[in-house]
Amino acid sequence: MSSLSHESSANPFEPPGTGTADMARAPADAPLAEVDFQRLAAVLVQTRPWVRVMSVLLFLSCVPLGLLILIELARSVTGAKTPFEQGESFGNALAHGLMIAMLFFPARYLWLYARRIDEFAGSGRLTSLADALDAQRKYWKLVAILACVFVGLMLLIVAAGVMAVVMRQGA
């Protein structure tokens, strides 16, 4: 095991930096040169199990959605009686596909982040740390973009609903 592994306990799920001695090593506003690099590295390495757990959970949540897509597509081909029902099933399958994308790609970026943490834990090199932090940056960038897209879609749906109500009242 690397020298950057969890120092205070064999439990990788223990919250990082729970000891007051760790906090007293450098003031919060200390220049980078005075910060305890080993503590920073240990905190990053301690996040790895949580990153892996979230990545696996997101990947696993894609499976039932994939099954729903298959069911909806089969229903649109074989079970739908009218073109409207076929369109409804196809639309449901498309919506589930978008949900899979919203889960799969963040899971992929989290997996990459955990892998970069592994590389850093193995090498202890500053470039590996930068790679790990860059992977984390990419994850948060993707999550922010997906959140903006989601909010935009919700606003469009609400606007379409309001317009439908207004048009019905006017007719």
Protein backbone atom coordinates (compact mmCIF):
# COMPACT_ATOMS: atom_id res chain seq x y z
CA MET A 1 0.00 0.00 0.00
CA SER A 2 1.20 3.51 -0.76
CA SER A 3 2.50 6.00 1.76
CA LEU A 4 -0.46 8.20 0.82
CA SER A 5 -3.05 5.76 2.10
CA HIS A 6 -5.34 6.47 5.02
CA GLU A 7 -3.04 7.11 8.01
CA SER A 8 -5.38 7.26 10.99
CA SER A 9 -7.52 4.16 10.49
CA ALA A 10 -7.92 1.05 8.40
CA ASN A 11 -11.47 2.20 7.60
CA PRO A 12 -11.49 3.92 4.19
CA PHE A 13 -15.00 5.27 4.86
CA GLU A 14 -13.96 7.33 7.88
CA PRO A 15 -14.43 11.06 7.23
CA PRO A 16 -11.15 12.74 6.31
CA GLY A 17 -9.44 15.11 8.70
CA THR A 18 -11.37 14.15 11.82
CA GLY A 19 -8.38 14.66 14.11
CA THR A 20 -7.69 18.11 15.50
CA ALA A 21 -3.93 17.52 15.22
CA ASP A 22 -4.33 17.31 11.43
CA MET A 23 -6.13 20.64 11.36
CA ALA A 24 -3.45 22.38 13.44
CA ARG A 25 -0.60 21.69 11.01
CA ALA A 26 -1.18 24.73 8.83
CA PRO A 27 -3.49 27.70 9.16
CA ALA A 28 -6.40 27.82 6.74
CA ASP A 29 -4.93 30.82 4.94
CA ALA A 30 -1.34 29.54 4.79
CA PRO A 31 0.56 29.94 1.52
CA LEU A 32 0.78 26.79 -0.56
CA ALA A 33 4.45 26.28 0.34
CA GLU A 34 3.54 25.96 4.04
CA VAL A 35 0.62 23.55 3.62
CA ASP A 36 1.23 19.92 4.59
CA PHE A 37 1.25 18.22 1.19
CA GLN A 38 0.95 14.75 2.72
CA ARG A 39 -2.28 15.73 4.48
CA LEU A 40 -3.71 17.15 1.26
CA ALA A 41 -2.75 13.98 -0.56
CA ALA A 42 -4.25 11.79 2.16
CA VAL A 43 -7.55 13.67 2.03
CA LEU A 44 -7.71 13.18 -1.74
CA VAL A 45 -6.92 9.47 -1.43
CA GLN A 46 -9.60 9.11 1.27
CA THR A 47 -12.24 10.35 -1.17
CA ARG A 48 -11.49 7.52 -3.62
CA PRO A 49 -13.87 4.92 -2.07
CA TRP A 50 -16.76 7.39 -2.14
CA VAL A 51 -16.03 8.34 -5.73
CA ARG A 52 -16.02 4.65 -6.69
CA VAL A 53 -19.29 4.00 -4.83
CA MET A 54 -21.06 6.86 -6.59
CA SER A 55 -19.67 5.83 -9.97
CA VAL A 56 -20.83 2.23 -9.55
CA LEU A 57 -24.27 3.33 -8.33
CA LEU A 58 -24.69 5.60 -11.34
CA PHE A 59 -23.58 2.85 -13.72
CA LEU A 60 -25.96 0.35 -12.07
CA SER A 61 -28.87 2.78 -12.30
CA CYS A 62 -28.49 2.72 -16.09
CA VAL A 63 -29.44 -0.98 -16.20
CA PRO A 64 -33.15 -0.73 -15.26
CA LEU A 65 -33.54 2.26 -17.55
CA GLY A 66 -32.06 0.23 -20.38
CA LEU A 67 -34.58 -2.51 -19.68
CA LEU A 68 -37.38 0.06 -19.77
CA ILE A 69 -36.16 1.22 -23.17
CA LEU A 70 -36.33 -2.32 -24.51
CA ILE A 71 -39.84 -2.77 -23.10
CA GLU A 72 -41.05 0.53 -24.56
CA LEU A 73 -39.54 -0.20 -27.97
CA ALA A 74 -41.08 -3.68 -28.01
CA ARG A 75 -44.42 -2.15 -27.01
CA SER A 76 -44.21 0.42 -29.79
CA VAL A 77 -43.58 -2.29 -32.37
CA THR A 78 -45.87 -5.06 -31.17
CA GLY A 79 -48.32 -3.88 -28.52
CA ALA A 80 -49.31 -0.37 -29.57
CA LYS A 81 -52.67 -0.29 -31.35
CA THR A 82 -52.70 3.28 -32.60
CA PRO A 83 -50.01 5.57 -34.00
CA PHE A 84 -50.44 7.72 -30.87
CA GLU A 85 -49.60 4.75 -28.62
CA GLN A 86 -46.61 3.94 -30.82
CA GLY A 87 -45.40 7.52 -30.55
CA GLU A 88 -45.96 7.52 -26.80
CA SER A 89 -43.89 4.35 -26.37
CA PHE A 90 -41.15 5.70 -28.61
CA GLY A 91 -41.16 9.00 -26.70
CA ASN A 92 -40.86 7.14 -23.40
CA ALA A 93 -37.94 5.14 -24.77
CA LEU A 94 -36.26 8.37 -25.92
CA ALA A 95 -36.78 9.98 -22.50
CA HIS A 96 -35.28 6.94 -20.77
CA GLY A 97 -32.34 7.11 -23.18
CA LEU A 98 -31.72 10.72 -22.19
CA MET A 99 -31.84 9.73 -18.52
CA ILE A 100 -29.26 7.02 -19.18
CA ALA A 101 -26.99 9.61 -20.79
CA MET A 102 -27.45 11.90 -17.78
CA LEU A 103 -26.33 9.04 -15.52
CA PHE A 104 -23.74 7.24 -17.64
CA PHE A 105 -21.47 10.15 -18.53
CA PRO A 106 -21.13 11.51 -14.96
CA ALA A 107 -20.45 7.92 -13.82
CA ARG A 108 -17.74 7.65 -16.46
CA TYR A 109 -16.11 10.89 -15.29
CA LEU A 110 -16.26 9.77 -11.66
CA TRP A 111 -14.62 6.47 -12.63
CA LEU A 112 -11.87 8.43 -14.39
CA TYR A 113 -11.43 10.62 -11.31
CA ALA A 114 -11.05 7.56 -9.07
CA ARG A 115 -8.53 6.08 -11.51
CA ARG A 116 -6.51 9.30 -11.45
CA ILE A 117 -6.56 9.23 -7.64
CA ASP A 118 -5.21 5.66 -7.84
CA GLU A 119 -2.41 6.84 -10.12
CA PHE A 120 -1.61 9.67 -7.73
CA ALA A 121 -1.65 7.33 -4.72
CA GLY A 122 0.78 5.05 -6.52
CA SER A 123 3.20 7.71 -7.70
CA GLY A 124 2.78 10.61 -5.27
CA ARG A 125 3.79 12.94 -8.10
CA LEU A 126 2.45 16.47 -8.39
CA THR A 127 1.54 15.90 -12.05
CA SER A 128 -0.63 12.94 -10.99
CA LEU A 129 -2.34 15.17 -8.45
CA ALA A 130 -2.99 17.74 -11.17
CA ASP A 131 -4.44 14.98 -13.40
CA ALA A 132 -6.75 13.86 -10.59
CA LEU A 133 -7.95 17.39 -9.93
CA ASP A 134 -8.44 17.96 -13.66
CA ALA A 135 -10.61 14.82 -13.84
CA GLN A 136 -12.66 16.22 -10.97
CA ARG A 137 -12.97 19.56 -12.81
CA LYS A 138 -14.27 17.77 -15.90
CA TYR A 139 -16.85 15.91 -13.80
CA TRP A 140 -18.20 19.11 -12.26
CA LYS A 141 -18.23 20.87 -15.62
CA LEU A 142 -20.35 18.06 -17.09
CA VAL A 143 -22.69 18.04 -14.09
CA ALA A 144 -23.16 21.82 -14.38
CA ILE A 145 -23.89 21.56 -18.12
CA LEU A 146 -26.39 18.75 -17.53
CA ALA A 147 -28.05 20.76 -14.75
CA CYS A 148 -28.43 23.78 -17.05
CA VAL A 149 -29.87 21.59 -19.82
CA PHE A 150 -32.27 19.98 -17.35
CA VAL A 151 -33.46 23.33 -15.99
CA GLY A 152 -33.86 24.64 -19.55
CA LEU A 153 -35.95 21.62 -20.53
CA MET A 154 -38.12 22.01 -17.44
CA LEU A 155 -38.71 25.68 -18.27
CA LEU A 156 -39.71 24.72 -21.83
CA ILE A 157 -42.11 22.08 -20.52
CA VAL A 158 -43.70 24.54 -18.09
CA ALA A 159 -43.97 27.18 -20.84
CA ALA A 160 -45.58 24.64 -23.18
CA GLY A 161 -48.06 23.66 -20.47
CA VAL A 162 -48.98 27.27 -19.79
CA MET A 163 -49.41 27.92 -23.51
CA ALA A 164 -51.64 24.85 -23.85
CA VAL A 165 -53.88 26.06 -21.03
CA VAL A 166 -54.07 29.58 -22.49
CA MET A 167 -54.87 28.25 -25.95
CA ARG A 168 -57.65 26.00 -24.60
CA GLN A 169 -59.24 28.86 -22.72
CA GLY A 170 -59.08 31.08 -25.78
CA ALA A 171 -60.74 28.50 -28.07
